[in-house]
């Protein structure tokens, strides 16, 4: 399976190299125009996926702390901390 994947990646690299050299020769070719359009569509798709993810999470933000230094006399909390909802906030 790795051999097939390796050959496929080699083929894809060769195709991309060919496209790049053609684009260098003729910057405003039809192929380049379509590649730019495809790139814009892919970026739009990513934006839509991220917006859907934010919608599903309910616009809640998450902060992940990977490293924390506590000096002498300091206090810290280990675990999940949820902010209390204020009166009138949230769903009923």
Protein backbone atom coordinates (compact mmCIF):
# COMPACT_ATOMS: atom_id res chain seq x y z
CA UNK A 1 0.00 0.00 0.00
CA UNK A 2 2.86 2.39 0.86
CA UNK A 3 4.42 1.71 -2.54
CA UNK A 4 1.15 2.61 -4.34
CA UNK A 5 0.80 5.76 -2.25
CA UNK A 6 4.41 6.70 -2.97
CA UNK A 7 3.92 6.28 -6.71
CA UNK A 8 0.70 8.29 -6.57
CA UNK A 9 2.48 11.11 -4.73
CA UNK A 10 5.28 11.05 -7.28
CA UNK A 11 2.75 11.30 -10.10
CA UNK A 12 0.96 14.18 -8.40
CA UNK A 13 4.26 16.02 -7.86
CA UNK A 14 5.10 15.59 -11.53
CA UNK A 15 1.70 16.91 -12.61
CA UNK A 16 1.99 19.92 -10.29
CA UNK A 17 5.48 20.65 -11.58
CA UNK A 18 4.20 20.53 -15.17
CA UNK A 19 1.32 22.88 -14.31
CA UNK A 20 3.71 25.26 -12.56
CA UNK A 21 6.07 25.43 -15.56
CA UNK A 22 3.18 26.00 -17.95
CA UNK A 23 1.86 28.75 -15.70
CA UNK A 24 5.27 30.42 -15.62
CA UNK A 25 5.35 30.43 -19.41
CA UNK A 26 1.87 31.87 -19.79
CA UNK A 27 0.75 33.58 -16.57
CA UNK A 28 -2.75 34.46 -17.79
CA UNK A 29 -3.50 31.11 -19.40
CA UNK A 30 -6.94 29.62 -19.02
CA UNK A 31 -5.57 26.92 -16.74
CA UNK A 32 -4.18 29.50 -14.32
CA UNK A 33 -7.50 31.34 -14.29
CA UNK A 34 -9.33 28.12 -13.42
CA UNK A 35 -6.75 27.24 -10.75
CA UNK A 36 -7.28 30.65 -9.15
CA UNK A 37 -11.04 30.14 -9.20
CA UNK A 38 -10.66 26.68 -7.67
CA UNK A 39 -8.40 28.14 -4.98
CA UNK A 40 -11.02 30.78 -4.14
CA UNK A 41 -13.73 28.12 -3.92
CA UNK A 42 -11.62 25.98 -1.62
CA UNK A 43 -10.95 28.96 0.67
CA UNK A 44 -14.69 29.74 0.69
CA UNK A 45 -15.42 26.12 1.60
CA UNK A 46 -12.96 26.33 4.52
CA UNK A 47 -14.59 29.58 5.73
CA UNK A 48 -18.03 27.93 5.60
CA UNK A 49 -16.82 24.87 7.51
CA UNK A 50 -15.27 27.08 10.20
CA UNK A 51 -18.47 29.13 10.47
CA UNK A 52 -20.52 25.94 10.82
CA UNK A 53 -18.16 24.71 13.52
CA UNK A 54 -18.51 27.99 15.44
CA UNK A 55 -22.30 27.78 15.08
CA UNK A 56 -22.39 24.22 16.41
CA UNK A 57 -20.22 25.13 19.40
CA UNK A 58 -22.60 27.97 20.22
CA UNK A 59 -19.93 30.64 19.75
CA UNK A 60 -18.11 29.42 22.86
CA UNK A 61 -14.40 30.02 22.93
CA UNK A 62 -11.94 27.48 24.25
CA UNK A 63 -8.50 28.28 25.60
CA UNK A 64 -5.95 25.52 25.99
CA UNK A 65 -3.06 26.17 28.36
CA UNK A 66 -0.10 23.95 27.61
CA UNK A 67 2.43 25.33 30.06
CA UNK A 68 1.88 27.25 33.28
CA UNK A 69 4.43 28.60 35.74
CA UNK A 70 3.33 29.17 39.33
CA UNK A 71 5.72 31.09 41.55
CA UNK A 72 5.91 30.85 45.31
CA UNK A 73 2.81 32.23 47.00
CA UNK A 74 0.71 31.92 43.83
CA UNK A 75 -2.47 29.88 43.50
CA UNK A 76 -3.62 27.81 40.57
CA UNK A 77 -6.52 25.62 39.49
CA UNK A 78 -6.11 22.31 37.70
CA UNK A 79 -9.04 21.02 35.69
CA UNK A 80 -11.90 22.36 33.61
CA UNK A 81 -13.19 25.76 34.64
CA UNK A 82 -16.53 26.98 33.31
CA UNK A 83 -17.66 30.54 33.78
CA UNK A 84 -20.97 30.95 35.57
CA UNK A 85 -23.74 32.15 33.31
CA UNK A 86 -25.03 35.56 34.26
CA UNK A 87 -28.72 36.08 34.81
CA UNK A 88 -30.43 36.52 31.43
CA UNK A 89 -27.62 34.84 29.48
CA UNK A 90 -27.89 31.44 27.90
CA UNK A 91 -30.82 29.34 26.82
CA UNK A 92 -33.68 28.20 29.02
